[in-house]
Amino acid sequence: MTKALKNFVVSANSSVFGVYAGIDRDAALLARVQDAGYTSIEDAAAVLEKSVEEFIDGTQVELLAPLWERIEIVNAAVVLDENPHVAFDIAVDGTVVYSTLEWLDADLRLVIEDCHLDVNSEYRGEIAARFSEAERDFYDEASDDARSGILGDIADMVWEKLVVVMRDLRKPNSSQAA
């Protein structure tokens, strides 16, 4: 049985070397050292005059979560005033990076014709800035959006997640409406 490859961010000494695929952390680290021109982890450690254990301990190999899992809509609240809207924050890896709002119609559905997310694309840059250059490059290469790459994916994901949040907020007994 073939194991699925996962993507890992490999770094050391605050420098990100890139995103490498492997069935586990060790395979991703081996891919990194081979990419750097070494034949093995032992070879890389020897050239750097370190033991294999020191080399491995000094290298961070962290699982790279899919982009979808890293972006969240948080702190969403419906505001019912003369201009009904939903105020919300966009978080990356649990940290809020942008706050905005979207207009709502009388049925508390998102108004598509005057979409803040379309008009002001600043949030996409704020989200992308939370990723290392290697992560951005990886997400860009993996993108299905040939024209906009990662930024198009971010826009689509934020909108899809907001639609789900609004569906939940419209349910009876939702305590988020203000």
N, C-alpha and C. Protein backbone atom coordinates (compact mmCIF):
# COMPACT_ATOMS: atom_id res chain seq x y z
N MET A 1 0.84 -1.19 0.00
CA MET A 1 0.00 0.00 0.00
C MET A 1 0.88 1.24 0.00
N THR A 2 0.60 2.15 -0.92
CA THR A 2 1.35 3.38 -1.04
C THR A 2 0.82 4.40 -0.04
N LYS A 3 1.74 5.04 0.68
CA LYS A 3 1.34 6.09 1.62
C LYS A 3 1.27 7.42 0.88
N ALA A 4 0.33 8.24 1.30
CA ALA A 4 0.15 9.56 0.69
C ALA A 4 1.28 10.49 1.10
N LEU A 5 1.71 11.30 0.16
CA LEU A 5 2.73 12.30 0.47
C LEU A 5 2.08 13.47 1.18
N LYS A 6 2.84 14.05 2.10
CA LYS A 6 2.42 15.25 2.80
C LYS A 6 3.45 16.33 2.49
N ASN A 7 3.09 17.56 2.71
CA ASN A 7 4.00 18.68 2.47
C ASN A 7 4.51 19.22 3.79
N PHE A 8 5.81 19.48 3.84
CA PHE A 8 6.46 19.97 5.04
C PHE A 8 7.28 21.21 4.72
N VAL A 9 7.29 22.17 5.65
CA VAL A 9 8.15 23.34 5.55
C VAL A 9 9.44 22.99 6.29
N VAL A 10 10.56 23.10 5.59
CA VAL A 10 11.85 22.77 6.18
C VAL A 10 12.63 24.06 6.39
N SER A 11 13.10 24.26 7.63
CA SER A 11 13.85 25.47 7.95
C SER A 11 14.90 25.18 9.00
N ALA A 12 15.83 26.10 9.14
CA ALA A 12 16.86 26.04 10.19
C ALA A 12 17.40 27.44 10.40
N ASN A 13 17.75 27.75 11.61
CA ASN A 13 18.33 29.06 11.93
C ASN A 13 17.51 30.21 11.37
N SER A 14 16.19 30.13 11.50
CA SER A 14 15.25 31.16 11.04
C SER A 14 15.21 31.34 9.53
N SER A 15 15.79 30.43 8.78
CA SER A 15 15.74 30.48 7.32
C SER A 15 14.86 29.34 6.82
N VAL A 16 13.87 29.69 6.00
CA VAL A 16 13.00 28.68 5.42
C VAL A 16 13.63 28.24 4.10
N PHE A 17 13.87 26.94 3.97
CA PHE A 17 14.49 26.39 2.76
C PHE A 17 13.48 26.05 1.69
N GLY A 18 12.26 25.77 2.10
CA GLY A 18 11.23 25.46 1.11
C GLY A 18 10.23 24.47 1.63
N VAL A 19 9.31 24.09 0.75
CA VAL A 19 8.29 23.10 1.05
C VAL A 19 8.70 21.82 0.34
N TYR A 20 8.77 20.73 1.10
CA TYR A 20 9.20 19.45 0.55
C TYR A 20 8.17 18.38 0.85
N ALA A 21 7.97 17.50 -0.11
CA ALA A 21 7.01 16.42 0.03
C ALA A 21 7.71 15.17 0.55
N GLY A 22 6.95 14.42 1.35
CA GLY A 22 7.45 13.15 1.86
C GLY A 22 6.34 12.41 2.57
N ILE A 23 6.53 11.11 2.77
CA ILE A 23 5.52 10.35 3.49
C ILE A 23 5.55 10.68 4.98
N ASP A 24 6.69 11.23 5.43
CA ASP A 24 6.82 11.66 6.83
C ASP A 24 7.90 12.73 6.90
N ARG A 25 8.17 13.18 8.11
CA ARG A 25 9.16 14.25 8.33
C ARG A 25 10.54 13.86 7.84
N ASP A 26 10.93 12.61 8.11
CA ASP A 26 12.26 12.16 7.71
C ASP A 26 12.43 12.17 6.19
N ALA A 27 11.40 11.74 5.47
CA ALA A 27 11.45 11.73 4.01
C ALA A 27 11.52 13.15 3.46
N ALA A 28 10.80 14.08 4.09
CA ALA A 28 10.84 15.48 3.65
C ALA A 28 12.23 16.08 3.91
N LEU A 29 12.82 15.75 5.04
CA LEU A 29 14.17 16.24 5.34
C LEU A 29 15.17 15.67 4.34
N LEU A 30 15.03 14.40 4.02
CA LEU A 30 15.91 13.79 3.02
C LEU A 30 15.75 14.48 1.67
N ALA A 31 14.52 14.80 1.29
CA ALA A 31 14.29 15.52 0.03
C ALA A 31 14.99 16.87 0.05
N ARG A 32 14.96 17.54 1.19
CA ARG A 32 15.63 18.85 1.33
C ARG A 32 17.14 18.71 1.16
N VAL A 33 17.75 17.76 1.86
CA VAL A 33 19.21 17.65 1.78
C VAL A 33 19.64 17.21 0.38
N GLN A 34 18.84 16.37 -0.27
CA GLN A 34 19.16 15.98 -1.64
C GLN A 34 19.00 17.17 -2.58
N ASP A 35 18.00 18.01 -2.35
CA ASP A 35 17.82 19.22 -3.14
C ASP A 35 19.02 20.15 -2.98
N ALA A 36 19.64 20.12 -1.81
CA ALA A 36 20.80 20.97 -1.54
C ALA A 36 22.10 20.35 -2.08
N GLY A 37 22.00 19.14 -2.66
CA GLY A 37 23.17 18.54 -3.28
C GLY A 37 23.85 17.45 -2.48
N TYR A 38 23.31 17.11 -1.33
CA TYR A 38 23.89 16.04 -0.52
C TYR A 38 23.24 14.71 -0.90
N THR A 39 23.93 13.62 -0.62
CA THR A 39 23.37 12.30 -0.95
C THR A 39 22.49 11.76 0.16
N SER A 40 22.73 12.24 1.39
CA SER A 40 21.98 11.73 2.54
C SER A 40 22.04 12.73 3.69
N ILE A 41 21.26 12.47 4.70
CA ILE A 41 21.29 13.31 5.90
C ILE A 41 22.65 13.18 6.57
N GLU A 42 23.19 11.98 6.57
CA GLU A 42 24.53 11.75 7.16
C GLU A 42 25.58 12.58 6.42
N ASP A 43 25.49 12.61 5.09
CA ASP A 43 26.42 13.39 4.27
C ASP A 43 26.31 14.88 4.61
N ALA A 44 25.09 15.40 4.69
CA ALA A 44 24.89 16.82 5.02
C ALA A 44 25.44 17.14 6.41
N ALA A 45 25.17 16.26 7.37
CA ALA A 45 25.67 16.48 8.74
C ALA A 45 27.19 16.50 8.76
N ALA A 46 27.82 15.58 8.04
CA ALA A 46 29.28 15.50 8.02
C ALA A 46 29.89 16.76 7.41
N VAL A 47 29.32 17.24 6.31
CA VAL A 47 29.84 18.45 5.67
C VAL A 47 29.74 19.64 6.62
N LEU A 48 28.66 19.69 7.40
CA LEU A 48 28.47 20.78 8.36
C LEU A 48 29.18 20.54 9.69
N GLU A 49 29.92 19.44 9.75
CA GLU A 49 30.68 19.05 10.95
C GLU A 49 29.77 18.94 12.17
N LYS A 50 28.64 18.26 11.97
CA LYS A 50 27.70 18.00 13.05
C LYS A 50 27.41 16.51 13.08
N SER A 51 26.95 16.06 14.23
CA SER A 51 26.46 14.69 14.28
C SER A 51 25.09 14.66 13.60
N VAL A 52 24.65 13.49 13.20
CA VAL A 52 23.33 13.37 12.58
C VAL A 52 22.27 13.90 13.53
N GLU A 53 22.39 13.58 14.81
CA GLU A 53 21.42 14.04 15.80
C GLU A 53 21.40 15.56 15.90
N GLU A 54 22.59 16.19 15.90
CA GLU A 54 22.66 17.65 15.96
C GLU A 54 22.03 18.27 14.72
N PHE A 55 22.30 17.67 13.56
CA PHE A 55 21.74 18.18 12.32
C PHE A 55 20.22 18.10 12.34
N ILE A 56 19.70 16.95 12.73
CA ILE A 56 18.25 16.77 12.77
C ILE A 56 17.61 17.68 13.81
N ASP A 57 18.23 17.77 14.99
CA ASP A 57 17.68 18.64 16.05
C ASP A 57 17.70 20.12 15.66
N GLY A 58 18.64 20.52 14.82
CA GLY A 58 18.76 21.91 14.41
C GLY A 58 17.91 22.27 13.20
N THR A 59 17.17 21.30 12.69
CA THR A 59 16.34 21.53 11.50
C THR A 59 14.88 21.36 11.88
N GLN A 60 14.06 22.33 11.50
CA GLN A 60 12.63 22.24 11.75
C GLN A 60 11.95 21.71 10.49
N VAL A 61 11.14 20.67 10.70
CA VAL A 61 10.37 20.08 9.61
C VAL A 61 8.92 20.05 10.09
N GLU A 62 8.13 21.01 9.62
CA GLU A 62 6.76 21.17 10.11
C GLU A 62 5.75 20.89 9.01
N LEU A 63 4.72 20.14 9.36
CA LEU A 63 3.66 19.81 8.42
C LEU A 63 2.98 21.09 7.94
N LEU A 64 2.83 21.21 6.64
CA LEU A 64 2.17 22.38 6.06
C LEU A 64 0.70 22.05 5.86
N ALA A 65 -0.14 22.74 6.58
CA ALA A 65 -1.59 22.51 6.48
C ALA A 65 -2.10 23.05 5.15
N PRO A 66 -3.15 22.45 4.62
CA PRO A 66 -3.76 23.01 3.41
C PRO A 66 -4.22 24.45 3.68
N LEU A 67 -4.17 25.27 2.65
CA LEU A 67 -4.55 26.68 2.77
C LEU A 67 -5.94 26.83 3.40
N TRP A 68 -6.89 26.00 2.98
CA TRP A 68 -8.27 26.05 3.49
C TRP A 68 -8.30 25.95 5.02
N GLU A 69 -7.45 25.12 5.59
CA GLU A 69 -7.46 24.90 7.04
C GLU A 69 -6.81 26.05 7.80
N ARG A 70 -6.06 26.89 7.15
CA ARG A 70 -5.33 27.95 7.84
C ARG A 70 -6.11 29.26 7.93
N ILE A 71 -7.15 29.40 7.12
CA ILE A 71 -7.92 30.65 7.08
C ILE A 71 -9.26 30.43 7.78
N GLU A 72 -9.63 31.38 8.65
CA GLU A 72 -10.90 31.29 9.38
C GLU A 72 -11.61 32.64 9.38
N ILE A 73 -12.93 32.58 9.48
CA ILE A 73 -13.74 33.77 9.76
C ILE A 73 -14.07 33.68 11.25
N VAL A 74 -13.72 34.71 12.02
CA VAL A 74 -13.94 34.69 13.46
C VAL A 74 -14.63 35.98 13.90
N ASN A 75 -15.19 35.94 15.08
CA ASN A 75 -15.82 37.12 15.70
C ASN A 75 -16.90 37.74 14.82
N ALA A 76 -17.62 36.91 14.07
CA ALA A 76 -18.67 37.42 13.19
C ALA A 76 -19.90 37.81 14.01
N ALA A 77 -20.44 38.97 13.70
CA ALA A 77 -21.64 39.45 14.39
C ALA A 77 -22.51 40.23 13.41
N VAL A 78 -23.78 39.91 13.42
CA VAL A 78 -24.75 40.63 12.60
C VAL A 78 -25.12 41.91 13.33
N VAL A 79 -25.09 43.03 12.60
CA VAL A 79 -25.45 44.34 13.15
C VAL A 79 -26.70 44.80 12.41
N LEU A 80 -27.80 44.93 13.16
CA LEU A 80 -29.07 45.33 12.57
C LEU A 80 -29.32 46.80 12.88
N ASP A 81 -28.89 47.66 11.97
CA ASP A 81 -29.14 49.09 12.08
C ASP A 81 -29.68 49.57 10.73
N GLU A 82 -29.56 50.87 10.42
CA GLU A 82 -30.09 51.35 9.14
C GLU A 82 -29.39 50.71 7.94
N ASN A 83 -28.19 50.16 8.14
CA ASN A 83 -27.44 49.44 7.10
C ASN A 83 -27.02 48.08 7.66
N PRO A 84 -27.92 47.11 7.62
CA PRO A 84 -27.58 45.79 8.19
C PRO A 84 -26.31 45.22 7.56
N HIS A 85 -25.46 44.68 8.42
CA HIS A 85 -24.22 44.11 7.94
C HIS A 85 -23.71 43.05 8.90
N VAL A 86 -22.75 42.29 8.44
CA VAL A 86 -22.05 41.36 9.31
C VAL A 86 -20.62 41.88 9.43
N ALA A 87 -20.20 42.10 10.66
CA ALA A 87 -18.82 42.50 10.93
C ALA A 87 -18.06 41.22 11.28
N PHE A 88 -16.85 41.09 10.78
CA PHE A 88 -16.10 39.87 11.04
C PHE A 88 -14.60 40.11 10.91
N ASP A 89 -13.85 39.18 11.47
CA ASP A 89 -12.40 39.19 11.37
C ASP A 89 -11.97 37.99 10.55
N ILE A 90 -10.86 38.14 9.87
CA ILE A 90 -10.25 37.04 9.13
C ILE A 90 -8.98 36.67 9.88
N ALA A 91 -8.84 35.39 10.20
CA ALA A 91 -7.68 34.91 10.95
C ALA A 91 -6.90 33.91 10.11
N VAL A 92 -5.60 33.92 10.32
CA VAL A 92 -4.70 32.93 9.72
C VAL A 92 -3.98 32.23 10.86
N ASP A 93 -4.09 30.93 10.88
CA ASP A 93 -3.46 30.14 11.93
C ASP A 93 -3.84 30.64 13.33
N GLY A 94 -5.09 31.08 13.46
CA GLY A 94 -5.60 31.51 14.75
C GLY A 94 -5.34 32.95 15.11
N THR A 95 -4.64 33.70 14.27
CA THR A 95 -4.32 35.10 14.55
C THR A 95 -5.11 36.00 13.60
N VAL A 96 -5.85 36.95 14.16
CA VAL A 96 -6.63 37.88 13.35
C VAL A 96 -5.67 38.77 12.56
N VAL A 97 -5.90 38.84 11.24
CA VAL A 97 -5.05 39.66 10.37
C VAL A 97 -5.82 40.78 9.67
N TYR A 98 -7.16 40.71 9.70
CA TYR A 98 -7.94 41.73 9.00
C TYR A 98 -9.36 41.75 9.54
N SER A 99 -9.93 42.95 9.63
CA SER A 99 -11.32 43.12 10.06
C SER A 99 -12.07 43.86 8.96
N THR A 100 -13.29 43.43 8.70
CA THR A 100 -14.08 44.07 7.65
C THR A 100 -15.56 43.79 7.89
N LEU A 101 -16.39 44.15 6.92
CA LEU A 101 -17.82 43.88 7.01
C LEU A 101 -18.37 43.61 5.63
N GLU A 102 -19.54 43.02 5.59
CA GLU A 102 -20.28 42.84 4.34
C GLU A 102 -21.73 43.21 4.61
N TRP A 103 -22.37 43.85 3.61
CA TRP A 103 -23.77 44.26 3.72
C TRP A 103 -24.68 43.04 3.68
N LEU A 104 -25.83 43.18 4.33
CA LEU A 104 -26.85 42.13 4.35
C LEU A 104 -28.16 42.69 3.82
N ASP A 105 -28.94 41.81 3.21
CA ASP A 105 -30.27 42.23 2.77
C ASP A 105 -31.26 42.01 3.92
N ALA A 106 -32.54 42.25 3.67
CA ALA A 106 -33.56 42.13 4.72
C ALA A 106 -33.70 40.71 5.27
N ASP A 107 -33.29 39.72 4.48
CA ASP A 107 -33.35 38.33 4.92
C ASP A 107 -32.03 37.86 5.54
N LEU A 108 -31.15 38.82 5.83
CA LEU A 108 -29.83 38.55 6.40
C LEU A 108 -28.96 37.68 5.49
N ARG A 109 -29.09 37.91 4.20
CA ARG A 109 -28.26 37.22 3.23
C ARG A 109 -27.21 38.23 2.72
N LEU A 110 -26.05 37.73 2.39
CA LEU A 110 -24.98 38.59 1.91
C LEU A 110 -25.38 39.28 0.60
N VAL A 111 -25.08 40.57 0.51
CA VAL A 111 -25.35 41.35 -0.70
C VAL A 111 -24.12 41.24 -1.60
N ILE A 112 -24.32 40.63 -2.73
CA ILE A 112 -23.21 40.37 -3.64
C ILE A 112 -22.85 41.60 -4.48
N GLU A 113 -23.83 42.43 -4.79
CA GLU A 113 -23.61 43.57 -5.69
C GLU A 113 -22.65 44.61 -5.13
N ASP A 114 -22.52 44.73 -3.84
CA ASP A 114 -21.65 45.73 -3.22
C ASP A 114 -20.75 45.02 -2.21
N CYS A 115 -19.91 44.16 -2.71
CA CYS A 115 -19.11 43.28 -1.85
C CYS A 115 -17.79 43.94 -1.47
N HIS A 116 -17.60 44.19 -0.19
CA HIS A 116 -16.35 44.79 0.29
C HIS A 116 -15.14 43.92 -0.06
N LEU A 117 -15.32 42.61 -0.01
CA LEU A 117 -14.21 41.71 -0.29
C LEU A 117 -13.75 41.83 -1.74
N ASP A 118 -14.66 42.16 -2.65
CA ASP A 118 -14.28 42.36 -4.05
C ASP A 118 -13.66 43.74 -4.27
N VAL A 119 -14.24 44.75 -3.62
CA VAL A 119 -13.80 46.12 -3.82
C VAL A 119 -12.44 46.38 -3.17
N ASN A 120 -12.25 45.87 -1.99
CA ASN A 120 -11.00 46.10 -1.26
C ASN A 120 -10.26 44.77 -1.12
N SER A 121 -9.25 44.58 -1.92
CA SER A 121 -8.51 43.32 -1.90
C SER A 121 -7.34 43.32 -0.93
N GLU A 122 -7.25 44.34 -0.11
CA GLU A 122 -6.14 44.45 0.85
C GLU A 122 -6.04 43.23 1.76
N TYR A 123 -7.19 42.66 2.12
CA TYR A 123 -7.20 41.51 3.03
C TYR A 123 -6.41 40.33 2.46
N ARG A 124 -6.43 40.17 1.12
CA ARG A 124 -5.71 39.06 0.51
C ARG A 124 -4.21 39.18 0.73
N GLY A 125 -3.71 40.40 0.59
CA GLY A 125 -2.29 40.63 0.85
C GLY A 125 -1.93 40.42 2.30
N GLU A 126 -2.83 40.84 3.21
CA GLU A 126 -2.58 40.64 4.65
C GLU A 126 -2.51 39.15 4.99
N ILE A 127 -3.40 38.37 4.37
CA ILE A 127 -3.38 36.92 4.61
C ILE A 127 -2.11 36.32 4.02
N ALA A 128 -1.80 36.64 2.77
CA ALA A 128 -0.62 36.07 2.12
C ALA A 128 0.66 36.43 2.85
N ALA A 129 0.69 37.62 3.46
CA ALA A 129 1.88 38.06 4.19
C ALA A 129 2.16 37.20 5.42
N ARG A 130 1.18 36.46 5.89
CA ARG A 130 1.36 35.59 7.06
C ARG A 130 2.10 34.30 6.72
N PHE A 131 2.29 34.05 5.42
CA PHE A 131 2.98 32.83 5.00
C PHE A 131 4.42 33.16 4.61
N SER A 132 5.31 32.20 4.80
CA SER A 132 6.68 32.40 4.34
C SER A 132 6.70 32.43 2.83
N GLU A 133 7.77 32.91 2.25
CA GLU A 133 7.89 32.96 0.80
C GLU A 133 7.75 31.55 0.20
N ALA A 134 8.35 30.57 0.86
CA ALA A 134 8.26 29.19 0.38
C ALA A 134 6.82 28.68 0.41
N GLU A 135 6.08 29.05 1.47
CA GLU A 135 4.68 28.64 1.55
C GLU A 135 3.86 29.31 0.46
N ARG A 136 4.07 30.62 0.25
CA ARG A 136 3.35 31.33 -0.81
C ARG A 136 3.64 30.71 -2.17
N ASP A 137 4.92 30.42 -2.42
CA ASP A 137 5.28 29.79 -3.70
C ASP A 137 4.60 28.45 -3.86
N PHE A 138 4.58 27.66 -2.79
CA PHE A 138 3.94 26.34 -2.86
C PHE A 138 2.45 26.48 -3.12
N TYR A 139 1.77 27.34 -2.35
CA TYR A 139 0.33 27.53 -2.54
C TYR A 139 0.03 28.08 -3.94
N ASP A 140 0.91 28.96 -4.44
CA ASP A 140 0.72 29.50 -5.79
C ASP A 140 0.81 28.39 -6.84
N GLU A 141 1.81 27.54 -6.71
CA GLU A 141 1.98 26.43 -7.66
C GLU A 141 0.81 25.45 -7.59
N ALA A 142 0.26 25.26 -6.40
CA ALA A 142 -0.84 24.31 -6.21
C ALA A 142 -2.20 24.90 -6.59
N SER A 143 -2.23 26.20 -6.87
CA SER A 143 -3.48 26.90 -7.11
C SER A 143 -4.16 26.46 -8.40
N ASP A 144 -5.49 26.41 -8.34
CA ASP A 144 -6.29 26.17 -9.54
C ASP A 144 -6.63 27.48 -10.24
N ASP A 145 -6.30 28.60 -9.63
CA ASP A 145 -6.63 29.91 -10.18
C ASP A 145 -5.45 30.38 -11.03
N ALA A 146 -5.51 30.11 -12.32
CA ALA A 146 -4.39 30.40 -13.22
C ALA A 146 -4.08 31.89 -13.32
N ARG A 147 -5.09 32.73 -13.11
CA ARG A 147 -4.89 34.17 -13.27
C ARG A 147 -4.35 34.83 -12.00
N SER A 148 -4.92 34.45 -10.86
CA SER A 148 -4.57 35.14 -9.61
C SER A 148 -3.78 34.29 -8.63
N GLY A 149 -3.66 32.98 -8.85
CA GLY A 149 -2.89 32.12 -7.96
C GLY A 149 -3.43 32.13 -6.54
N ILE A 150 -2.53 32.23 -5.59
CA ILE A 150 -2.90 32.15 -4.17
C ILE A 150 -3.89 33.25 -3.79
N LEU A 151 -3.75 34.44 -4.37
CA LEU A 151 -4.65 35.54 -4.00
C LEU A 151 -6.08 35.24 -4.43
N GLY A 152 -6.25 34.62 -5.57
CA GLY A 152 -7.59 34.21 -6.01
C GLY A 152 -8.15 33.12 -5.12
N ASP A 153 -7.29 32.19 -4.72
CA ASP A 153 -7.73 31.13 -3.82
C ASP A 153 -8.17 31.71 -2.47
N ILE A 154 -7.41 32.66 -1.96
CA ILE A 154 -7.75 33.30 -0.69
C ILE A 154 -9.12 33.97 -0.81
N ALA A 155 -9.35 34.71 -1.88
CA ALA A 155 -10.63 35.39 -2.06
C ALA A 155 -11.78 34.40 -2.08
N ASP A 156 -11.61 33.31 -2.83
CA ASP A 156 -12.67 32.29 -2.89
C ASP A 156 -12.92 31.65 -1.54
N MET A 157 -11.85 31.33 -0.83
CA MET A 157 -12.00 30.65 0.47
C MET A 157 -12.64 31.54 1.51
N VAL A 158 -12.24 32.80 1.56
CA VAL A 158 -12.83 33.72 2.53
C VAL A 158 -14.32 33.87 2.26
N TRP A 159 -14.70 34.04 0.99
CA TRP A 159 -16.12 34.17 0.66
C TRP A 159 -16.88 32.91 1.05
N GLU A 160 -16.36 31.73 0.68
CA GLU A 160 -17.04 30.47 1.00
C GLU A 160 -17.21 30.30 2.52
N LYS A 161 -16.18 30.64 3.27
CA LYS A 161 -16.26 30.50 4.72
C LYS A 161 -17.26 31.51 5.31
N LEU A 162 -17.32 32.72 4.74
CA LEU A 162 -18.27 33.72 5.21
C LEU A 162 -19.71 33.27 4.93
N VAL A 163 -19.95 32.67 3.78
CA VAL A 163 -21.28 32.15 3.46
C VAL A 163 -21.71 31.12 4.50
N VAL A 164 -20.81 30.24 4.90
CA VAL A 164 -21.12 29.22 5.91
C VAL A 164 -21.40 29.88 7.26
N VAL A 165 -20.59 30.86 7.63
CA VAL A 165 -20.80 31.57 8.90
C VAL A 165 -22.17 32.25 8.89
N MET A 166 -22.52 32.88 7.77
CA MET A 166 -23.82 33.57 7.71
C MET A 166 -24.97 32.57 7.78
N ARG A 167 -24.81 31.42 7.18
CA ARG A 167 -25.86 30.39 7.27
C ARG A 167 -26.08 30.03 8.74
N ASP A 168 -24.99 29.89 9.48
CA ASP A 168 -25.10 29.56 10.91
C ASP A 168 -25.71 30.72 11.71
N LEU A 169 -25.35 31.95 11.36
CA LEU A 169 -25.87 33.10 12.09
C LEU A 169 -27.36 33.33 11.84
N ARG A 170 -27.86 32.91 10.69
CA ARG A 170 -29.27 33.08 10.37
C ARG A 170 -30.15 32.04 11.06
N LYS A 171 -29.56 31.01 11.60
CA LYS A 171 -30.35 29.96 12.26
C LYS A 171 -31.04 30.54 13.48
N PRO A 172 -32.25 30.06 13.77
CA PRO A 172 -32.93 30.53 14.98
C PRO A 172 -32.06 30.27 16.22
N ASN A 173 -32.19 31.13 17.18
CA ASN A 173 -31.45 31.02 18.45
C ASN A 173 -29.98 31.35 18.32
N SER A 174 -29.59 31.96 17.21
CA SER A 174 -28.20 32.36 17.10
C SER A 174 -27.98 33.57 18.00
N SER A 175 -26.99 33.52 18.84
CA SER A 175 -26.75 34.60 19.79
C SER A 175 -25.84 35.68 19.22
N GLN A 176 -25.46 35.59 17.95
CA GLN A 176 -24.51 36.53 17.37
C GLN A 176 -25.19 37.79 16.83
N ALA A 177 -26.48 37.79 16.62
CA ALA A 177 -27.14 38.98 16.07
C ALA A 177 -27.16 40.09 17.12
N ALA A 178 -26.80 41.30 16.71
CA ALA A 178 -26.73 42.42 17.67
C ALA A 178 -27.93 43.32 17.52
